[in-house]
Amino acid sequence: MKKIYHLKTCSTCQRILRELQPLDGFELQNIKSDAISPDQLEEMKILAGSYEALFSRKAMLFRQRGLHEKQLSENDYKNLILEQYTFLKRPVIIFANQIFIGNSIKNIEQAKEKIHS
């Protein structure tokens, strides 16, 4: 599978997509206009090992809702990501049964190396 979950309006996601070019055969899913399905999230979780690994604590709603003061369970992470796209750490790149989550330089370099090797 070749898929990238991203936010079209996010300048960081746009920059990363440009860095990863060419993306022949990749399906791009804008998570704001095309919501993540429970099956898609489950597939990501299997590759990532947990819902927590997919969860963004940088989302503005994380602090606004007081979630930083709570002990969240795996089920909480799952439900929050499905409820609000901003809780997904992005981009999420799936390539050859590997997953690359987030925008760290190291992560993007590893994804780029894997995609273009």
PDB file of N, CA and C in Angstrom:
ATOM      1  N   MET A   1       0.834  -1.178   0.000  1.00  0.00           N
ATOM      2  CA  MET A   1       0.000   0.000   0.000  1.00  0.00           C
ATOM      3  C   MET A   1       0.880   1.243   0.000  1.00  0.00           C
ATOM      4  N   LYS A   2       0.461   2.236  -0.753  1.00  0.00           N
ATOM      5  CA  LYS A   2       1.145   3.520  -0.825  1.00  0.00           C
ATOM      6  C   LYS A   2       0.116   4.600  -0.541  1.00  0.00           C
ATOM      7  N   LYS A   3       0.172   5.149   0.664  1.00  0.00           N
ATOM      8  CA  LYS A   3      -0.847   6.116   1.041  1.00  0.00           C
ATOM      9  C   LYS A   3      -0.266   7.160   1.975  1.00  0.00           C
ATOM     10  N   ILE A   4      -0.747   8.391   1.825  1.00  0.00           N
ATOM     11  CA  ILE A   4      -0.335   9.466   2.719  1.00  0.00           C
ATOM     12  C   ILE A   4      -1.591  10.172   3.220  1.00  0.00           C
ATOM     13  N   TYR A   5      -1.750  10.184   4.542  1.00  0.00           N
ATOM     14  CA  TYR A   5      -2.809  10.934   5.187  1.00  0.00           C
ATOM     15  C   TYR A   5      -2.202  12.282   5.553  1.00  0.00           C
ATOM     16  N   HIS A   6      -2.827  13.350   5.092  1.00  0.00           N
ATOM     17  CA  HIS A   6      -2.266  14.679   5.317  1.00  0.00           C
ATOM     18  C   HIS A   6      -3.394  15.687   5.455  1.00  0.00           C
ATOM     19  N   LEU A   7      -3.002  16.913   5.771  1.00  0.00           N
ATOM     20  CA  LEU A   7      -3.943  18.019   5.835  1.00  0.00           C
ATOM     21  C   LEU A   7      -3.548  18.998   4.750  1.00  0.00           C
ATOM     22  N   LYS A   8      -4.409  19.165   3.772  1.00  0.00           N
ATOM     23  CA  LYS A   8      -4.113  19.977   2.591  1.00  0.00           C
ATOM     24  C   LYS A   8      -3.760  21.417   2.940  1.00  0.00           C
ATOM     25  N   THR A   9      -4.352  21.958   3.984  1.00  0.00           N
ATOM     26  CA  THR A   9      -4.121  23.347   4.355  1.00  0.00           C
ATOM     27  C   THR A   9      -2.906  23.547   5.260  1.00  0.00           C
ATOM     28  N   CYS A  10      -2.246  22.485   5.623  1.00  0.00           N
ATOM     29  CA  CYS A  10      -1.082  22.556   6.516  1.00  0.00           C
ATOM     30  C   CYS A  10       0.187  22.799   5.698  1.00  0.00           C
ATOM     31  N   SER A  11       0.864  23.900   5.964  1.00  0.00           N
ATOM     32  CA  SER A  11       2.071  24.230   5.200  1.00  0.00           C
ATOM     33  C   SER A  11       3.178  23.201   5.414  1.00  0.00           C
ATOM     34  N   THR A  12       3.241  22.613   6.596  1.00  0.00           N
ATOM     35  CA  THR A  12       4.249  21.576   6.855  1.00  0.00           C
ATOM     36  C   THR A  12       3.964  20.336   6.011  1.00  0.00           C
ATOM     37  N   CYS A  13       2.713  19.926   5.948  1.00  0.00           N
ATOM     38  CA  CYS A  13       2.351  18.774   5.106  1.00  0.00           C
ATOM     39  C   CYS A  13       2.648  19.066   3.643  1.00  0.00           C
ATOM     40  N   GLN A  14       2.334  20.273   3.187  1.00  0.00           N
ATOM     41  CA  GLN A  14       2.603  20.647   1.794  1.00  0.00           C
ATOM     42  C   GLN A  14       4.098  20.572   1.495  1.00  0.00           C
ATOM     43  N   ARG A  15       4.915  21.096   2.420  1.00  0.00           N
ATOM     44  CA  ARG A  15       6.368  21.069   2.237  1.00  0.00           C
ATOM     45  C   ARG A  15       6.884  19.636   2.175  1.00  0.00           C
ATOM     46  N   ILE A  16       6.397  18.789   3.051  1.00  0.00           N
ATOM     47  CA  ILE A  16       6.833  17.396   3.097  1.00  0.00           C
ATOM     48  C   ILE A  16       6.420  16.670   1.822  1.00  0.00           C
ATOM     49  N   LEU A  17       5.219  16.894   1.339  1.00  0.00           N
ATOM     50  CA  LEU A  17       4.787  16.261   0.094  1.00  0.00           C
ATOM     51  C   LEU A  17       5.693  16.678  -1.067  1.00  0.00           C
ATOM     52  N   ARG A  18       6.107  17.946  -1.094  1.00  0.00           N
ATOM     53  CA  ARG A  18       7.046  18.402  -2.135  1.00  0.00           C
ATOM     54  C   ARG A  18       8.391  17.694  -1.988  1.00  0.00           C
ATOM     55  N   GLU A  19       8.862  17.547  -0.755  1.00  0.00           N
ATOM     56  CA  GLU A  19      10.148  16.873  -0.500  1.00  0.00           C
ATOM     57  C   GLU A  19      10.128  15.417  -0.937  1.00  0.00           C
ATOM     58  N   LEU A  20       8.996  14.783  -0.810  1.00  0.00           N
ATOM     59  CA  LEU A  20       8.888  13.355  -1.112  1.00  0.00           C
ATOM     60  C   LEU A  20       8.695  13.057  -2.600  1.00  0.00           C
ATOM     61  N   GLN A  21       8.494  14.077  -3.420  1.00  0.00           N
ATOM     62  CA  GLN A  21       8.262  13.874  -4.855  1.00  0.00           C
ATOM     63  C   GLN A  21       9.421  13.130  -5.502  1.00  0.00           C
ATOM     64  N   PRO A  22       9.176  12.322  -6.505  1.00  0.00           N
ATOM     65  CA  PRO A  22       7.857  11.981  -7.052  1.00  0.00           C
ATOM     66  C   PRO A  22       7.149  10.945  -6.194  1.00  0.00           C
ATOM     67  N   LEU A  23       5.857  11.014  -6.169  1.00  0.00           N
ATOM     68  CA  LEU A  23       5.030  10.107  -5.374  1.00  0.00           C
ATOM     69  C   LEU A  23       4.164   9.237  -6.276  1.00  0.00           C
ATOM     70  N   ASP A  24       4.795   8.627  -7.247  1.00  0.00           N
ATOM     71  CA  ASP A  24       4.084   7.774  -8.203  1.00  0.00           C
ATOM     72  C   ASP A  24       3.362   6.641  -7.481  1.00  0.00           C
ATOM     73  N   GLY A  25       2.086   6.503  -7.779  1.00  0.00           N
ATOM     74  CA  GLY A  25       1.302   5.408  -7.226  1.00  0.00           C
ATOM     75  C   GLY A  25       0.765   5.653  -5.829  1.00  0.00           C
ATOM     76  N   PHE A  26       1.077   6.795  -5.227  1.00  0.00           N
ATOM     77  CA  PHE A  26       0.588   7.087  -3.884  1.00  0.00           C
ATOM     78  C   PHE A  26      -0.821   7.654  -3.932  1.00  0.00           C
ATOM     79  N   GLU A  27      -1.634   7.225  -2.981  1.00  0.00           N
ATOM     80  CA  GLU A  27      -2.941   7.817  -2.789  1.00  0.00           C
ATOM     81  C   GLU A  27      -2.807   8.849  -1.677  1.00  0.00           C
ATOM     82  N   LEU A  28      -3.247  10.074  -1.940  1.00  0.00           N
ATOM     83  CA  LEU A  28      -3.205  11.135  -0.942  1.00  0.00           C
ATOM     84  C   LEU A  28      -4.607  11.341  -0.398  1.00  0.00           C
ATOM     85  N   GLN A  29      -4.733  11.337   0.923  1.00  0.00           N
ATOM     86  CA  GLN A  29      -6.040  11.551   1.541  1.00  0.00           C
ATOM     87  C   GLN A  29      -5.974  12.783   2.429  1.00  0.00           C
ATOM     88  N   ASN A  30      -6.716  13.811   2.045  1.00  0.00           N
ATOM     89  CA  ASN A  30      -6.841  15.020   2.849  1.00  0.00           C
ATOM     90  C   ASN A  30      -7.818  14.699   3.988  1.00  0.00           C
ATOM     91  N   ILE A  31      -7.298  14.617   5.203  1.00  0.00           N
ATOM     92  CA  ILE A  31      -8.099  14.129   6.324  1.00  0.00           C
ATOM     93  C   ILE A  31      -9.185  15.102   6.769  1.00  0.00           C
ATOM     94  N   LYS A  32      -9.117  16.349   6.303  1.00  0.00           N
ATOM     95  CA  LYS A  32     -10.175  17.302   6.648  1.00  0.00           C
ATOM     96  C   LYS A  32     -11.415  17.082   5.782  1.00  0.00           C
ATOM     97  N   SER A  33     -11.223  16.890   4.497  1.00  0.00           N
ATOM     98  CA  SER A  33     -12.365  16.720   3.596  1.00  0.00           C
ATOM     99  C   SER A  33     -12.773  15.257   3.414  1.00  0.00           C
ATOM    100  N   ASP A  34     -11.871  14.341   3.699  1.00  0.00           N
ATOM    101  CA  ASP A  34     -12.134  12.905   3.552  1.00  0.00           C
ATOM    102  C   ASP A  34     -11.743  12.235   4.870  1.00  0.00           C
ATOM    103  N   ALA A  35     -12.685  12.197   5.792  1.00  0.00           N
ATOM    104  CA  ALA A  35     -12.414  11.724   7.155  1.00  0.00           C
ATOM    105  C   ALA A  35     -11.838  10.309   7.181  1.00  0.00           C
ATOM    106  N   ILE A  36     -11.023  10.079   8.177  1.00  0.00           N
ATOM    107  CA  ILE A  36     -10.429   8.760   8.401  1.00  0.00           C
ATOM    108  C   ILE A  36     -11.528   7.816   8.881  1.00  0.00           C
ATOM    109  N   SER A  37     -11.600   6.658   8.273  1.00  0.00           N
ATOM    110  CA  SER A  37     -12.599   5.671   8.685  1.00  0.00           C
ATOM    111  C   SER A  37     -12.040   4.838   9.842  1.00  0.00           C
ATOM    112  N   PRO A  38     -12.911   4.200  10.604  1.00  0.00           N
ATOM    113  CA  PRO A  38     -12.431   3.303  11.666  1.00  0.00           C
ATOM    114  C   PRO A  38     -11.501   2.211  11.123  1.00  0.00           C
ATOM    115  N   ASP A  39     -11.797   1.685   9.941  1.00  0.00           N
ATOM    116  CA  ASP A  39     -10.943   0.642   9.346  1.00  0.00           C
ATOM    117  C   ASP A  39      -9.568   1.189   8.992  1.00  0.00           C
ATOM    118  N   GLN A  40      -9.529   2.404   8.452  1.00  0.00           N
ATOM    119  CA  GLN A  40      -8.240   3.016   8.121  1.00  0.00           C
ATOM    120  C   GLN A  40      -7.421   3.260   9.381  1.00  0.00           C
ATOM    121  N   LEU A  41      -8.073   3.750  10.425  1.00  0.00           N
ATOM    122  CA  LEU A  41      -7.361   4.007  11.673  1.00  0.00           C
ATOM    123  C   LEU A  41      -6.842   2.707  12.274  1.00  0.00           C
ATOM    124  N   GLU A  42      -7.635   1.657  12.185  1.00  0.00           N
ATOM    125  CA  GLU A  42      -7.211   0.350  12.698  1.00  0.00           C
ATOM    126  C   GLU A  42      -5.982  -0.150  11.941  1.00  0.00           C
ATOM    127  N   GLU A  43      -5.982   0.030  10.631  1.00  0.00           N
ATOM    128  CA  GLU A  43      -4.829  -0.365   9.821  1.00  0.00           C
ATOM    129  C   GLU A  43      -3.576   0.415  10.246  1.00  0.00           C
ATOM    130  N   MET A  44      -3.734   1.712  10.467  1.00  0.00           N
ATOM    131  CA  MET A  44      -2.595   2.519  10.929  1.00  0.00           C
ATOM    132  C   MET A  44      -2.116   2.054  12.300  1.00  0.00           C
ATOM    133  N   LYS A  45      -3.065   1.746  13.180  1.00  0.00           N
ATOM    134  CA  LYS A  45      -2.720   1.305  14.537  1.00  0.00           C
ATOM    135  C   LYS A  45      -1.934  -0.002  14.518  1.00  0.00           C
ATOM    136  N   ILE A  46      -2.331  -0.915  13.650  1.00  0.00           N
ATOM    137  CA  ILE A  46      -1.617  -2.192  13.546  1.00  0.00           C
ATOM    138  C   ILE A  46      -0.164  -1.953  13.155  1.00  0.00           C
ATOM    139  N   LEU A  47       0.063  -1.062  12.192  1.00  0.00           N
ATOM    140  CA  LEU A  47       1.429  -0.764  11.757  1.00  0.00           C
ATOM    141  C   LEU A  47       2.201   0.039  12.803  1.00  0.00           C
ATOM    142  N   ALA A  48       1.508   0.942  13.505  1.00  0.00           N
ATOM    143  CA  ALA A  48       2.163   1.823  14.476  1.00  0.00           C
ATOM    144  C   ALA A  48       2.352   1.164  15.838  1.00  0.00           C
ATOM    145  N   GLY A  49       1.506   0.194  16.156  1.00  0.00           N
ATOM    146  CA  GLY A  49       1.604  -0.472  17.451  1.00  0.00           C
ATOM    147  C   GLY A  49       0.640   0.056  18.494  1.00  0.00           C
ATOM    148  N   SER A  50       0.138   1.287  18.309  1.00  0.00           N
ATOM    149  CA  SER A  50      -0.821   1.848  19.255  1.00  0.00           C
ATOM    150  C   SER A  50      -1.511   3.054  18.641  1.00  0.00           C
ATOM    151  N   TYR A  51      -2.645   3.401  19.213  1.00  0.00           N
ATOM    152  CA  TYR A  51      -3.328   4.625  18.804  1.00  0.00           C
ATOM    153  C   TYR A  51      -2.563   5.834  19.348  1.00  0.00           C
ATOM    154  N   GLU A  52      -1.966   5.666  20.500  1.00  0.00           N
ATOM    155  CA  GLU A  52      -1.214   6.771  21.105  1.00  0.00           C
ATOM    156  C   GLU A  52      -0.092   7.245  20.185  1.00  0.00           C
ATOM    157  N   ALA A  53       0.553   6.329  19.471  1.00  0.00           N
ATOM    158  CA  ALA A  53       1.636   6.689  18.551  1.00  0.00           C
ATOM    159  C   ALA A  53       1.130   7.571  17.411  1.00  0.00           C
ATOM    160  N   LEU A  54      -0.155   7.496  17.111  1.00  0.00           N
ATOM    161  CA  LEU A  54      -0.762   8.271  16.034  1.00  0.00           C
ATOM    162  C   LEU A  54      -1.352   9.595  16.512  1.00  0.00           C
ATOM    163  N   PHE A  55      -1.361   9.797  17.813  1.00  0.00           N
ATOM    164  CA  PHE A  55      -2.060  10.931  18.419  1.00  0.00           C
ATOM    165  C   PHE A  55      -1.146  12.143  18.548  1.00  0.00           C
ATOM    166  N   SER A  56      -1.673  13.298  18.159  1.00  0.00           N
ATOM    167  CA  SER A  56      -0.921  14.546  18.245  1.00  0.00           C
ATOM    168  C   SER A  56      -1.290  15.316  19.508  1.00  0.00           C
ATOM    169  N   ARG A  57      -0.324  15.473  20.375  1.00  0.00           N
ATOM    170  CA  ARG A  57      -0.517  16.290  21.578  1.00  0.00           C
ATOM    171  C   ARG A  57      -0.325  17.775  21.266  1.00  0.00           C
ATOM    172  N   LYS A  58       0.085  18.073  20.041  1.00  0.00           N
ATOM    173  CA  LYS A  58       0.277  19.464  19.627  1.00  0.00           C
ATOM    174  C   LYS A  58      -1.014  20.100  19.119  1.00  0.00           C
ATOM    175  N   ALA A  59      -2.036  19.299  18.939  1.00  0.00           N
ATOM    176  CA  ALA A  59      -3.319  19.827  18.476  1.00  0.00           C
ATOM    177  C   ALA A  59      -3.841  20.850  19.486  1.00  0.00           C
ATOM    178  N   MET A  60      -4.341  21.977  18.999  1.00  0.00           N
ATOM    179  CA  MET A  60      -4.841  23.036  19.884  1.00  0.00           C
ATOM    180  C   MET A  60      -5.939  22.523  20.810  1.00  0.00           C
ATOM    181  N   LEU A  61      -6.768  21.621  20.307  1.00  0.00           N
ATOM    182  CA  LEU A  61      -7.861  21.082  21.122  1.00  0.00           C
ATOM    183  C   LEU A  61      -7.367  20.240  22.297  1.00  0.00           C
ATOM    184  N   PHE A  62      -6.141  19.749  22.221  1.00  0.00           N
ATOM    185  CA  PHE A  62      -5.609  18.911  23.298  1.00  0.00           C
ATOM    186  C   PHE A  62      -5.607  19.693  24.614  1.00  0.00           C
ATOM    187  N   ARG A  63      -5.103  20.905  24.583  1.00  0.00           N
ATOM    188  CA  ARG A  63      -5.078  21.741  25.790  1.00  0.00           C
ATOM    189  C   ARG A  63      -6.439  22.389  26.046  1.00  0.00           C
ATOM    190  N   GLN A  64      -7.110  22.824  24.984  1.00  0.00           N
ATOM    191  CA  GLN A  64      -8.404  23.492  25.151  1.00  0.00           C
ATOM    192  C   GLN A  64      -9.409  22.600  25.868  1.00  0.00           C
ATOM    193  N   ARG A  65      -9.358  21.324  25.595  1.00  0.00           N
ATOM    194  CA  ARG A  65     -10.288  20.376  26.236  1.00  0.00           C
ATOM    195  C   ARG A  65      -9.758  19.851  27.572  1.00  0.00           C
ATOM    196  N   GLY A  66      -8.582  20.294  27.964  1.00  0.00           N
ATOM    197  CA  GLY A  66      -7.999  19.841  29.227  1.00  0.00           C
ATOM    198  C   GLY A  66      -7.502  18.406  29.182  1.00  0.00           C
ATOM    199  N   LEU A  67      -7.275  17.894  27.984  1.00  0.00           N
ATOM    200  CA  LEU A  67      -6.845  16.499  27.849  1.00  0.00           C
ATOM    201  C   LEU A  67      -5.433  16.285  28.399  1.00  0.00           C
ATOM    202  N   HIS A  68      -4.627  17.354  28.442  1.00  0.00           N
ATOM    203  CA  HIS A  68      -3.269  17.249  28.972  1.00  0.00           C
ATOM    204  C   HIS A  68      -3.268  16.947  30.469  1.00  0.00           C
ATOM    205  N   GLU A  69      -4.405  17.124  31.109  1.00  0.00           N
ATOM    206  CA  GLU A  69      -4.522  16.865  32.542  1.00  0.00           C
ATOM    207  C   GLU A  69      -5.147  15.505  32.842  1.00  0.00           C
ATOM    208  N   LYS A  70      -5.450  14.754  31.799  1.00  0.00           N
ATOM    209  CA  LYS A  70      -6.129  13.470  31.973  1.00  0.00           C
ATOM    210  C   LYS A  70      -5.217  12.319  31.561  1.00  0.00           C
ATOM    211  N   GLN A  71      -5.493  11.167  32.134  1.00  0.00           N
ATOM    212  CA  GLN A  71      -4.821   9.927  31.754  1.00  0.00           C
ATOM    213  C   GLN A  71      -5.688   9.288  30.667  1.00  0.00           C
ATOM    214  N   LEU A  72      -5.206   9.315  29.415  1.00  0.00           N
ATOM    215  CA  LEU A  72      -5.993   8.796  28.306  1.00  0.00           C
ATOM    216  C   LEU A  72      -5.676   7.327  28.038  1.00  0.00           C
ATOM    217  N   SER A  73      -6.702   6.574  27.688  1.00  0.00           N
ATOM    218  CA  SER A  73      -6.540   5.157  27.342  1.00  0.00           C
ATOM    219  C   SER A  73      -6.392   5.024  25.830  1.00  0.00           C
ATOM    220  N   GLU A  74      -6.030   3.861  25.374  1.00  0.00           N
ATOM    221  CA  GLU A  74      -5.939   3.594  23.933  1.00  0.00           C
ATOM    222  C   GLU A  74      -7.283   3.872  23.261  1.00  0.00           C
ATOM    223  N   ASN A  75      -8.366   3.482  23.924  1.00  0.00           N
ATOM    224  CA  ASN A  75      -9.695   3.720  23.369  1.00  0.00           C
ATOM    225  C   ASN A  75      -9.989   5.223  23.275  1.00  0.00           C
ATOM    226  N   ASP A  76      -9.518   5.990  24.257  1.00  0.00           N
ATOM    227  CA  ASP A  76      -9.679   7.449  24.209  1.00  0.00           C
ATOM    228  C   ASP A  76      -8.947   8.020  22.992  1.00  0.00           C
ATOM    229  N   TYR A  77      -7.703   7.595  22.791  1.00  0.00           N
ATOM    230  CA  TYR A  77      -6.927   8.084  21.641  1.00  0.00           C
ATOM    231  C   TYR A  77      -7.650   7.759  20.334  1.00  0.00           C
ATOM    232  N   LYS A  78      -8.121   6.541  20.232  1.00  0.00           N
ATOM    233  CA  LYS A  78      -8.837   6.105  19.028  1.00  0.00           C
ATOM    234  C   LYS A  78     -10.060   6.989  18.772  1.00  0.00           C
ATOM    235  N   ASN A  79     -10.888   7.153  19.784  1.00  0.00           N
ATOM    236  CA  ASN A  79     -12.121   7.920  19.631  1.00  0.00           C
ATOM    237  C   ASN A  79     -11.853   9.390  19.327  1.00  0.00           C
ATOM    238  N   LEU A  80     -10.832   9.959  19.944  1.00  0.00           N
ATOM    239  CA  LEU A  80     -10.500  11.361  19.693  1.00  0.00           C
ATOM    240  C   LEU A  80     -10.031  11.571  18.253  1.00  0.00           C
ATOM    241  N   ILE A  81      -9.205  10.660  17.753  1.00  0.00           N
ATOM    242  CA  ILE A  81      -8.726  10.778  16.365  1.00  0.00           C
ATOM    243  C   ILE A  81      -9.893  10.656  15.389  1.00  0.00           C
ATOM    244  N   LEU A  82     -10.801   9.730  15.652  1.00  0.00           N
ATOM    245  CA  LEU A  82     -11.956   9.556  14.769  1.00  0.00           C
ATOM    246  C   LEU A  82     -12.918  10.745  14.851  1.00  0.00           C
ATOM    247  N   GLU A  83     -12.993  11.338  16.020  1.00  0.00           N
ATOM    248  CA  GLU A  83     -13.895  12.474  16.229  1.00  0.00           C
ATOM    249  C   GLU A  83     -13.373  13.752  15.569  1.00  0.00           C
ATOM    250  N   GLN A  84     -12.064  13.988  15.645  1.00  0.00           N
ATOM    251  CA  GLN A  84     -11.497  15.260  15.196  1.00  0.00           C
ATOM    252  C   GLN A  84     -10.165  15.014  14.484  1.00  0.00           C
ATOM    253  N   TYR A  85     -10.114  15.313  13.197  1.00  0.00           N
ATOM    254  CA  TYR A  85      -8.936  15.047  12.376  1.00  0.00           C
ATOM    255  C   TYR A  85      -7.661  15.689  12.919  1.00  0.00           C
ATOM    256  N   THR A  86      -7.783  16.785  13.655  1.00  0.00           N
ATOM    257  CA  THR A  86      -6.573  17.471  14.142  1.00  0.00           C
ATOM    258  C   THR A  86      -5.805  16.640  15.163  1.00  0.00           C
ATOM    259  N   PHE A  87      -6.428  15.620  15.711  1.00  0.00           N
ATOM    260  CA  PHE A  87      -5.732  14.779  16.682  1.00  0.00           C
ATOM    261  C   PHE A  87      -4.817  13.735  16.025  1.00  0.00           C
ATOM    262  N   LEU A  88      -4.860  13.607  14.717  1.00  0.00           N
ATOM    263  CA  LEU A  88      -3.948  12.682  14.039  1.00  0.00           C
ATOM    264  C   LEU A  88      -2.617  13.379  13.816  1.00  0.00           C
ATOM    265  N   LYS A  89      -1.549  12.771  14.296  1.00  0.00           N
ATOM    266  CA  LYS A  89      -0.209  13.287  14.033  1.00  0.00           C
ATOM    267  C   LYS A  89       0.038  13.122  12.546  1.00  0.00           C
ATOM    268  N   ARG A  90       0.467  14.200  11.893  1.00  0.00           N
ATOM    269  CA  ARG A  90       0.555  14.131  10.444  1.00  0.00           C
ATOM    270  C   ARG A  90       1.860  14.703   9.919  1.00  0.00           C
ATOM    271  N   PRO A  91       2.176  14.277   8.707  1.00  0.00           N
ATOM    272  CA  PRO A  91       1.472  13.315   7.875  1.00  0.00           C
ATOM    273  C   PRO A  91       1.709  11.884   8.358  1.00  0.00           C
ATOM    274  N   VAL A  92       0.851  10.990   7.907  1.00  0.00           N
ATOM    275  CA  VAL A  92       1.051   9.563   8.120  1.00  0.00           C
ATOM    276  C   VAL A  92       1.306   8.967   6.740  1.00  0.00           C
ATOM    277  N   ILE A  93       2.488   8.384   6.604  1.00  0.00           N
ATOM    278  CA  ILE A  93       2.905   7.811   5.325  1.00  0.00           C
ATOM    279  C   ILE A  93       2.962   6.302   5.483  1.00  0.00           C
ATOM    280  N   ILE A  94       2.242   5.599   4.625  1.00  0.00           N
ATOM    281  CA  ILE A  94       2.266   4.132   4.634  1.00  0.00           C
ATOM    282  C   ILE A  94       2.872   3.687   3.311  1.00  0.00           C
ATOM    283  N   PHE A  95       3.918   2.890   3.431  1.00  0.00           N
ATOM    284  CA  PHE A  95       4.616   2.398   2.245  1.00  0.00           C
ATOM    285  C   PHE A  95       5.211   1.037   2.560  1.00  0.00           C
ATOM    286  N   ALA A  96       4.880   0.047   1.744  1.00  0.00           N
ATOM    287  CA  ALA A  96       5.441  -1.305   1.872  1.00  0.00           C
ATOM    288  C   ALA A  96       5.341  -1.835   3.304  1.00  0.00           C
ATOM    289  N   ASN A  97       4.133  -1.761   3.873  1.00  0.00           N
ATOM    290  CA  ASN A  97       3.859  -2.257   5.223  1.00  0.00           C
ATOM    291  C   ASN A  97       4.699  -1.589   6.303  1.00  0.00           C
ATOM    292  N   GLN A  98       5.172  -0.377   6.024  1.00  0.00           N
ATOM    293  CA  GLN A  98       5.850   0.428   7.035  1.00  0.00           C
ATOM    294  C   GLN A  98       5.077   1.716   7.188  1.00  0.00           C
ATOM    295  N   ILE A  99       5.142   2.279   8.390  1.00  0.00           N
ATOM    296  CA  ILE A  99       4.428   3.519   8.651  1.00  0.00           C
ATOM    297  C   ILE A  99       5.411   4.555   9.170  1.00  0.00           C
ATOM    298  N   PHE A 100       5.239   5.774   8.703  1.00  0.00           N
ATOM    299  CA  PHE A 100       6.050   6.900   9.126  1.00  0.00           C
ATOM    300  C   PHE A 100       5.065   7.960   9.615  1.00  0.00           C
ATOM    301  N   ILE A 101       5.174   8.314  10.893  1.00  0.00           N
ATOM    302  CA  ILE A 101       4.178   9.168  11.535  1.00  0.00           C
ATOM    303  C   ILE A 101       4.815  10.484  11.957  1.00  0.00           C
ATOM    304  N   GLY A 102       4.216  11.574  11.523  1.00  0.00           N
ATOM    305  CA  GLY A 102       4.656  12.884  11.973  1.00  0.00           C
ATOM    306  C   GLY A 102       5.655  13.542  11.054  1.00  0.00           C
ATOM    307  N   ASN A 103       6.096  14.717  11.468  1.00  0.00           N
ATOM    308  CA  ASN A 103       6.891  15.557  10.595  1.00  0.00           C
ATOM    309  C   ASN A 103       8.334  15.777  11.040  1.00  0.00           C
ATOM    310  N   SER A 104       8.837  14.920  11.917  1.00  0.00           N
ATOM    311  CA  SER A 104      10.229  15.094  12.339  1.00  0.00           C
ATOM    312  C   SER A 104      11.154  14.892  11.139  1.00  0.00           C
ATOM    313  N   ILE A 105      12.254  15.609  11.132  1.00  0.00           N
ATOM    314  CA  ILE A 105      13.206  15.531  10.019  1.00  0.00           C
ATOM    315  C   ILE A 105      13.681  14.103   9.822  1.00  0.00           C
ATOM    316  N   LYS A 106      14.030  13.430  10.916  1.00  0.00           N
ATOM    317  CA  LYS A 106      14.515  12.051  10.836  1.00  0.00           C
ATOM    318  C   LYS A 106      13.455  11.131  10.215  1.00  0.00           C
ATOM    319  N   ASN A 107      12.226  11.286  10.647  1.00  0.00           N
ATOM    320  CA  ASN A 107      11.131  10.458  10.140  1.00  0.00           C
ATOM    321  C   ASN A 107      10.921  10.675   8.641  1.00  0.00           C
ATOM    322  N   ILE A 108      10.932  11.917   8.214  1.00  0.00           N
ATOM    323  CA  ILE A 108      10.701  12.230   6.800  1.00  0.00           C
ATOM    324  C   ILE A 108      11.875  11.737   5.951  1.00  0.00           C
ATOM    325  N   GLU A 109      13.091  11.860   6.460  1.00  0.00           N
ATOM    326  CA  GLU A 109      14.263  11.347   5.735  1.00  0.00           C
ATOM    327  C   GLU A 109      14.176   9.829   5.568  1.00  0.00           C
ATOM    328  N   GLN A 110      13.747   9.144   6.620  1.00  0.00           N
ATOM    329  CA  GLN A 110      13.598   7.679   6.542  1.00  0.00           C
ATOM    330  C   GLN A 110      12.529   7.314   5.519  1.00  0.00           C
ATOM    331  N   ALA A 111      11.423   8.042   5.514  1.00  0.00           N
ATOM    332  CA  ALA A 111      10.349   7.766   4.542  1.00  0.00           C
ATOM    333  C   ALA A 111      10.851   8.027   3.120  1.00  0.00           C
ATOM    334  N   LYS A 112      11.547   9.126   2.925  1.00  0.00           N
ATOM    335  CA  LYS A 112      12.066   9.480   1.600  1.00  0.00           C
ATOM    336  C   LYS A 112      13.043   8.407   1.103  1.00  0.00           C
ATOM    337  N   GLU A 113      13.912   7.949   1.994  1.00  0.00           N
ATOM    338  CA  GLU A 113      14.883   6.906   1.634  1.00  0.00           C
ATOM    339  C   GLU A 113      14.165   5.614   1.243  1.00  0.00           C
ATOM    340  N   LYS A 114      13.158   5.239   2.013  1.00  0.00           N
ATOM    341  CA  LYS A 114      12.412   4.007   1.747  1.00  0.00           C
ATOM    342  C   LYS A 114      11.643   4.100   0.419  1.00  0.00           C
ATOM    343  N   ILE A 115      10.991   5.231   0.191  1.00  0.00           N
ATOM    344  CA  ILE A 115      10.179   5.428  -1.006  1.00  0.00           C
ATOM    345  C   ILE A 115      11.010   5.434  -2.266  1.00  0.00           C
ATOM    346  N   HIS A 116      12.200   6.027  -2.206  1.00  0.00           N
ATOM    347  CA  HIS A 116      13.011   6.220  -3.411  1.00  0.00           C
ATOM    348  C   HIS A 116      14.195   5.267  -3.524  1.00  0.00           C
ATOM    349  N   SER A 117      14.205   4.228  -2.716  1.00  0.00           N
ATOM    350  CA  SER A 117      15.318   3.257  -2.816  1.00  0.00           C
ATOM    351  C   SER A 117      15.002   2.154  -3.804  1.00  0.00           C
TER     352      SER A 117
END
